[in-house]
N, C-alpha and C. Protein backbone atom coordinates (compact mmCIF):
# COMPACT_ATOMS: atom_id res chain seq x y z
N VAL A 1 14.34 -10.15 5.60
CA VAL A 1 13.24 -9.58 4.81
C VAL A 1 12.89 -8.22 5.38
N GLN A 2 12.93 -7.22 4.53
CA GLN A 2 12.65 -5.86 4.99
C GLN A 2 11.74 -5.11 4.03
N LEU A 3 10.81 -4.38 4.62
CA LEU A 3 9.93 -3.49 3.87
C LEU A 3 9.99 -2.12 4.52
N GLN A 4 10.29 -1.11 3.76
CA GLN A 4 10.42 0.24 4.30
C GLN A 4 9.42 1.16 3.60
N ALA A 5 8.39 1.55 4.33
CA ALA A 5 7.36 2.44 3.78
C ALA A 5 7.71 3.89 4.06
N SER A 6 7.39 4.76 3.11
CA SER A 6 7.65 6.19 3.27
C SER A 6 6.68 6.98 2.41
N GLY A 7 6.69 8.31 2.63
CA GLY A 7 5.88 9.18 1.79
C GLY A 7 4.65 9.74 2.46
N GLY A 8 4.37 9.33 3.68
CA GLY A 8 3.21 9.86 4.37
C GLY A 8 3.41 11.32 4.76
N GLY A 9 2.32 11.95 5.18
CA GLY A 9 2.41 13.34 5.60
C GLY A 9 1.04 13.94 5.80
N LEU A 10 1.03 15.24 6.02
CA LEU A 10 -0.21 15.99 6.23
C LEU A 10 -0.57 16.74 4.95
N VAL A 11 -1.77 16.47 4.45
CA VAL A 11 -2.24 17.13 3.23
C VAL A 11 -3.68 17.59 3.44
N GLN A 12 -4.17 18.38 2.50
CA GLN A 12 -5.55 18.84 2.56
C GLN A 12 -6.42 17.96 1.67
N ALA A 13 -7.70 17.97 1.97
CA ALA A 13 -8.64 17.21 1.16
C ALA A 13 -8.53 17.64 -0.31
N GLY A 14 -8.52 16.65 -1.20
CA GLY A 14 -8.39 16.92 -2.61
C GLY A 14 -6.96 16.84 -3.13
N ASP A 15 -6.00 16.84 -2.22
CA ASP A 15 -4.59 16.76 -2.61
C ASP A 15 -4.21 15.33 -2.99
N SER A 16 -2.98 15.21 -3.47
CA SER A 16 -2.44 13.90 -3.84
C SER A 16 -1.20 13.61 -3.00
N LEU A 17 -0.89 12.32 -2.90
CA LEU A 17 0.28 11.88 -2.16
C LEU A 17 0.71 10.54 -2.75
N ARG A 18 2.00 10.29 -2.76
CA ARG A 18 2.49 9.00 -3.24
C ARG A 18 3.29 8.31 -2.15
N LEU A 19 2.88 7.13 -1.80
CA LEU A 19 3.60 6.32 -0.84
C LEU A 19 4.54 5.38 -1.59
N SER A 20 5.66 5.10 -0.94
CA SER A 20 6.63 4.16 -1.51
C SER A 20 6.91 3.06 -0.50
N CYS A 21 7.20 1.88 -1.00
CA CYS A 21 7.58 0.77 -0.15
C CYS A 21 8.78 0.09 -0.81
N ALA A 22 9.93 0.28 -0.20
CA ALA A 22 11.15 -0.32 -0.71
C ALA A 22 11.35 -1.67 -0.05
N ALA A 23 11.55 -2.68 -0.88
CA ALA A 23 11.69 -4.03 -0.38
C ALA A 23 13.09 -4.57 -0.66
N SER A 24 13.52 -5.45 0.22
CA SER A 24 14.76 -6.15 -0.07
C SER A 24 14.53 -6.99 -1.31
N GLU A 25 15.54 -7.21 -2.07
CA GLU A 25 15.38 -7.87 -3.36
C GLU A 25 14.70 -9.21 -3.24
N ARG A 26 15.04 -9.93 -2.19
CA ARG A 26 14.45 -11.26 -2.03
C ARG A 26 12.94 -11.17 -1.86
N THR A 27 12.49 -10.18 -1.04
CA THR A 27 11.07 -10.01 -0.82
C THR A 27 10.36 -9.61 -2.10
N PHE A 28 10.97 -8.68 -2.79
CA PHE A 28 10.32 -8.13 -3.97
C PHE A 28 10.21 -9.15 -5.07
N SER A 29 11.18 -10.00 -5.20
CA SER A 29 11.21 -10.92 -6.32
C SER A 29 10.36 -12.15 -6.09
N SER A 30 9.84 -12.31 -4.87
CA SER A 30 9.20 -13.57 -4.57
C SER A 30 7.70 -13.58 -4.82
N GLY A 31 7.00 -12.49 -4.54
CA GLY A 31 5.55 -12.58 -4.64
C GLY A 31 4.83 -11.26 -4.73
N ALA A 32 3.53 -11.34 -4.46
CA ALA A 32 2.67 -10.17 -4.56
C ALA A 32 2.90 -9.21 -3.40
N MET A 33 2.44 -7.96 -3.59
CA MET A 33 2.56 -6.96 -2.55
C MET A 33 1.25 -6.19 -2.44
N ALA A 34 1.10 -5.51 -1.30
CA ALA A 34 -0.16 -4.82 -1.06
C ALA A 34 0.02 -3.67 -0.09
N TRP A 35 -1.00 -2.83 -0.04
CA TRP A 35 -1.09 -1.76 0.96
C TRP A 35 -2.34 -1.99 1.80
N PHE A 36 -2.18 -1.81 3.09
CA PHE A 36 -3.28 -1.83 4.03
C PHE A 36 -3.23 -0.53 4.83
N ARG A 37 -4.30 -0.24 5.55
CA ARG A 37 -4.29 0.94 6.40
C ARG A 37 -5.06 0.66 7.68
N GLN A 38 -4.72 1.44 8.69
CA GLN A 38 -5.34 1.23 9.99
C GLN A 38 -5.50 2.55 10.73
N THR A 39 -6.66 2.69 11.37
CA THR A 39 -6.92 3.83 12.24
C THR A 39 -7.12 3.31 13.66
N PRO A 40 -6.93 4.16 14.66
CA PRO A 40 -7.04 3.70 16.05
C PRO A 40 -8.38 3.05 16.34
N GLY A 41 -8.32 1.90 16.97
CA GLY A 41 -9.52 1.19 17.36
C GLY A 41 -10.16 0.36 16.27
N LYS A 42 -9.58 0.37 15.10
CA LYS A 42 -10.13 -0.41 13.98
C LYS A 42 -9.14 -1.43 13.48
N GLU A 43 -9.67 -2.44 12.81
CA GLU A 43 -8.79 -3.45 12.23
C GLU A 43 -8.07 -2.89 11.00
N ARG A 44 -6.94 -3.49 10.73
CA ARG A 44 -6.20 -3.11 9.53
C ARG A 44 -7.00 -3.54 8.31
N GLU A 45 -7.21 -2.61 7.39
CA GLU A 45 -8.06 -2.91 6.23
C GLU A 45 -7.28 -2.87 4.93
N PHE A 46 -7.74 -3.66 4.00
CA PHE A 46 -7.12 -3.74 2.69
C PHE A 46 -7.34 -2.45 1.90
N VAL A 47 -6.30 -2.04 1.17
CA VAL A 47 -6.39 -0.86 0.31
C VAL A 47 -6.18 -1.24 -1.15
N ALA A 48 -5.04 -1.87 -1.44
CA ALA A 48 -4.72 -2.22 -2.82
C ALA A 48 -3.68 -3.32 -2.84
N ALA A 49 -3.68 -4.10 -3.91
CA ALA A 49 -2.70 -5.18 -4.05
C ALA A 49 -2.29 -5.31 -5.50
N ILE A 50 -1.07 -5.82 -5.69
CA ILE A 50 -0.55 -6.01 -7.04
C ILE A 50 0.15 -7.37 -7.09
N SER A 51 -0.08 -8.09 -8.15
CA SER A 51 0.54 -9.40 -8.30
C SER A 51 2.03 -9.29 -8.59
N TRP A 52 2.71 -10.38 -8.48
CA TRP A 52 4.16 -10.40 -8.73
C TRP A 52 4.46 -9.87 -10.13
N SER A 53 3.66 -10.25 -11.11
CA SER A 53 3.90 -9.82 -12.49
C SER A 53 3.52 -8.37 -12.72
N GLY A 54 2.69 -7.83 -11.83
CA GLY A 54 2.20 -6.47 -12.02
C GLY A 54 0.98 -6.40 -12.92
N LEU A 55 0.56 -7.51 -13.44
CA LEU A 55 -0.54 -7.52 -14.40
C LEU A 55 -1.91 -7.49 -13.73
N SER A 56 -1.96 -7.89 -12.47
CA SER A 56 -3.23 -7.91 -11.75
C SER A 56 -3.18 -6.96 -10.56
N THR A 57 -4.21 -6.14 -10.44
CA THR A 57 -4.31 -5.24 -9.30
C THR A 57 -5.73 -5.32 -8.73
N PHE A 58 -5.83 -5.08 -7.44
CA PHE A 58 -7.11 -5.07 -6.75
C PHE A 58 -7.18 -3.85 -5.85
N TYR A 59 -8.37 -3.33 -5.68
CA TYR A 59 -8.56 -2.13 -4.86
C TYR A 59 -9.78 -2.30 -3.96
N ALA A 60 -9.71 -1.67 -2.82
CA ALA A 60 -10.90 -1.56 -1.98
C ALA A 60 -11.88 -0.63 -2.67
N ASP A 61 -13.15 -0.87 -2.47
CA ASP A 61 -14.17 -0.04 -3.10
C ASP A 61 -14.01 1.43 -2.75
N SER A 62 -13.57 1.69 -1.53
CA SER A 62 -13.48 3.06 -1.06
C SER A 62 -12.38 3.87 -1.74
N VAL A 63 -11.43 3.20 -2.39
CA VAL A 63 -10.33 3.92 -3.04
C VAL A 63 -10.30 3.71 -4.55
N GLU A 64 -11.19 2.86 -5.04
CA GLU A 64 -11.24 2.59 -6.47
C GLU A 64 -11.36 3.92 -7.23
N ASP A 65 -10.63 4.06 -8.31
CA ASP A 65 -10.64 5.24 -9.17
C ASP A 65 -9.91 6.44 -8.57
N ARG A 66 -9.41 6.32 -7.34
CA ARG A 66 -8.64 7.42 -6.75
C ARG A 66 -7.19 7.00 -6.48
N PHE A 67 -7.00 5.73 -6.13
CA PHE A 67 -5.66 5.24 -5.80
C PHE A 67 -5.17 4.32 -6.91
N THR A 68 -3.86 4.30 -7.09
CA THR A 68 -3.24 3.40 -8.07
C THR A 68 -2.01 2.76 -7.46
N ILE A 69 -1.96 1.44 -7.50
CA ILE A 69 -0.78 0.72 -7.03
C ILE A 69 0.06 0.32 -8.24
N SER A 70 1.37 0.43 -8.08
CA SER A 70 2.26 0.08 -9.17
C SER A 70 3.58 -0.41 -8.57
N LYS A 71 4.43 -0.96 -9.42
CA LYS A 71 5.73 -1.44 -8.94
C LYS A 71 6.81 -1.13 -9.96
N ASP A 72 8.00 -0.92 -9.42
CA ASP A 72 9.18 -0.67 -10.24
C ASP A 72 10.18 -1.77 -9.92
N ASN A 73 10.29 -2.72 -10.80
CA ASN A 73 11.15 -3.87 -10.53
C ASN A 73 12.62 -3.46 -10.41
N ALA A 74 13.03 -2.47 -11.16
CA ALA A 74 14.43 -2.05 -11.12
C ALA A 74 14.80 -1.47 -9.76
N LYS A 75 13.82 -0.89 -9.08
CA LYS A 75 14.08 -0.26 -7.79
C LYS A 75 13.56 -1.09 -6.61
N ASN A 76 13.00 -2.27 -6.90
CA ASN A 76 12.42 -3.11 -5.84
C ASN A 76 11.44 -2.31 -4.97
N THR A 77 10.61 -1.53 -5.62
CA THR A 77 9.73 -0.61 -4.91
C THR A 77 8.30 -0.71 -5.43
N VAL A 78 7.36 -0.66 -4.50
CA VAL A 78 5.95 -0.58 -4.81
C VAL A 78 5.43 0.79 -4.40
N TYR A 79 4.57 1.35 -5.21
CA TYR A 79 4.04 2.69 -4.96
C TYR A 79 2.52 2.64 -4.77
N LEU A 80 2.02 3.61 -4.06
CA LEU A 80 0.58 3.84 -3.96
C LEU A 80 0.34 5.32 -4.24
N GLN A 81 -0.14 5.59 -5.43
CA GLN A 81 -0.48 6.96 -5.79
C GLN A 81 -1.90 7.23 -5.31
N MET A 82 -2.04 8.23 -4.47
CA MET A 82 -3.33 8.56 -3.87
C MET A 82 -3.77 9.93 -4.33
N ASN A 83 -4.84 9.98 -5.06
CA ASN A 83 -5.39 11.25 -5.56
C ASN A 83 -6.73 11.54 -4.91
N SER A 84 -7.14 12.78 -5.00
CA SER A 84 -8.44 13.21 -4.46
C SER A 84 -8.63 12.70 -3.03
N LEU A 85 -7.64 12.94 -2.21
CA LEU A 85 -7.67 12.42 -0.84
C LEU A 85 -8.81 13.03 -0.05
N LYS A 86 -9.36 12.20 0.84
CA LYS A 86 -10.47 12.60 1.70
C LYS A 86 -10.06 12.45 3.16
N PRO A 87 -10.70 13.17 4.05
CA PRO A 87 -10.37 13.02 5.48
C PRO A 87 -10.47 11.58 5.96
N GLU A 88 -11.40 10.82 5.40
CA GLU A 88 -11.55 9.42 5.82
C GLU A 88 -10.42 8.52 5.34
N ASP A 89 -9.52 9.05 4.53
CA ASP A 89 -8.32 8.30 4.13
C ASP A 89 -7.22 8.40 5.19
N THR A 90 -7.43 9.23 6.18
CA THR A 90 -6.45 9.38 7.26
C THR A 90 -6.23 8.05 7.97
N ALA A 91 -4.98 7.61 8.03
CA ALA A 91 -4.65 6.32 8.64
C ALA A 91 -3.14 6.12 8.59
N VAL A 92 -2.69 5.09 9.28
CA VAL A 92 -1.33 4.61 9.09
C VAL A 92 -1.38 3.57 7.97
N TYR A 93 -0.58 3.77 6.98
CA TYR A 93 -0.56 2.89 5.82
C TYR A 93 0.63 1.93 5.92
N TYR A 94 0.34 0.66 5.71
CA TYR A 94 1.34 -0.39 5.79
C TYR A 94 1.49 -1.09 4.45
N CYS A 95 2.73 -1.37 4.08
CA CYS A 95 2.93 -2.22 2.92
C CYS A 95 3.17 -3.64 3.40
N ALA A 96 2.81 -4.59 2.57
CA ALA A 96 2.91 -6.00 2.91
C ALA A 96 3.35 -6.80 1.70
N ALA A 97 3.96 -7.92 1.95
CA ALA A 97 4.42 -8.80 0.88
C ALA A 97 4.10 -10.25 1.24
N ARG A 98 3.93 -11.05 0.20
CA ARG A 98 3.68 -12.47 0.44
C ARG A 98 4.59 -13.29 -0.46
N ARG A 99 4.77 -14.53 -0.10
CA ARG A 99 5.67 -15.39 -0.86
C ARG A 99 5.06 -15.81 -2.19
N LEU A 100 3.74 -15.92 -2.23
CA LEU A 100 3.09 -16.36 -3.46
C LEU A 100 2.90 -15.20 -4.43
N LYS A 101 2.80 -15.52 -5.70
CA LYS A 101 2.78 -14.50 -6.75
C LYS A 101 1.40 -13.85 -6.94
N ALA A 102 0.35 -14.54 -6.58
CA ALA A 102 -0.99 -14.00 -6.79
C ALA A 102 -1.34 -12.98 -5.70
N ALA A 103 -1.94 -11.89 -6.11
CA ALA A 103 -2.37 -10.87 -5.15
C ALA A 103 -3.66 -11.32 -4.46
N THR A 104 -3.84 -10.83 -3.26
CA THR A 104 -5.04 -11.15 -2.49
C THR A 104 -5.41 -9.97 -1.61
N ARG A 105 -6.70 -9.89 -1.26
CA ARG A 105 -7.16 -8.83 -0.36
C ARG A 105 -7.06 -9.24 1.11
N LEU A 106 -6.73 -10.48 1.35
CA LEU A 106 -6.78 -11.02 2.70
C LEU A 106 -5.52 -10.71 3.49
N ARG A 107 -5.71 -10.02 4.61
CA ARG A 107 -4.58 -9.59 5.43
C ARG A 107 -3.74 -10.78 5.89
N ASN A 108 -4.37 -11.85 6.27
CA ASN A 108 -3.64 -12.98 6.83
C ASN A 108 -2.82 -13.75 5.80
N GLU A 109 -2.99 -13.42 4.54
CA GLU A 109 -2.25 -14.09 3.47
C GLU A 109 -0.88 -13.46 3.23
N TYR A 110 -0.61 -12.35 3.90
CA TYR A 110 0.68 -11.67 3.69
C TYR A 110 1.66 -12.06 4.79
N ASP A 111 2.89 -12.30 4.37
CA ASP A 111 3.90 -12.84 5.27
C ASP A 111 4.80 -11.79 5.90
N TYR A 112 4.97 -10.67 5.23
CA TYR A 112 5.92 -9.65 5.70
C TYR A 112 5.22 -8.29 5.73
N TRP A 113 5.59 -7.48 6.71
CA TRP A 113 4.97 -6.17 6.89
C TRP A 113 6.01 -5.10 7.13
N GLY A 114 5.76 -3.91 6.59
CA GLY A 114 6.58 -2.76 6.88
C GLY A 114 6.12 -2.07 8.14
N GLN A 115 6.79 -0.97 8.50
CA GLN A 115 6.54 -0.32 9.78
C GLN A 115 5.39 0.67 9.74
N GLY A 116 4.90 1.05 8.59
CA GLY A 116 3.79 1.98 8.49
C GLY A 116 4.24 3.41 8.30
N THR A 117 3.41 4.17 7.57
CA THR A 117 3.65 5.59 7.39
C THR A 117 2.31 6.31 7.53
N LEU A 118 2.32 7.40 8.28
CA LEU A 118 1.08 8.09 8.64
C LEU A 118 0.65 9.07 7.54
N VAL A 119 -0.59 8.95 7.14
CA VAL A 119 -1.20 9.89 6.21
C VAL A 119 -2.34 10.60 6.94
N THR A 120 -2.28 11.92 6.95
CA THR A 120 -3.32 12.72 7.59
C THR A 120 -3.90 13.67 6.56
N VAL A 121 -5.22 13.60 6.38
CA VAL A 121 -5.90 14.45 5.41
C VAL A 121 -6.83 15.39 6.17
N SER A 122 -6.56 16.66 6.07
CA SER A 122 -7.39 17.64 6.76
C SER A 122 -8.51 18.13 5.85
N SER A 123 -9.62 18.49 6.46
CA SER A 123 -10.78 18.95 5.67
C SER A 123 -10.74 20.44 5.41
């Protein structure tokens, strides 16, 4: 089971960035996926999740209306489109997958994790 996150970088406040998470076919076909983020000294926090079908999505209040999670079944890839970025969005972003099809905000419900990609937003 492999998850490969990419797309992080250094941007200015107000800019956009798209993260990608490429999953092995087995991981992608089995269940829901999500993005979490973490800053030094803090717990990993939920950002967005998408169900296996793609019909259900959930967002943290702090990113609602700015971030969009989506999936491309043909490419076994989940995306996180981040618009109107703020300095407080600076973090290492992790993609996660679970065996069950329903999306959840709970970190402990995810079975597989990628290595993380750093997003830095300057003011």
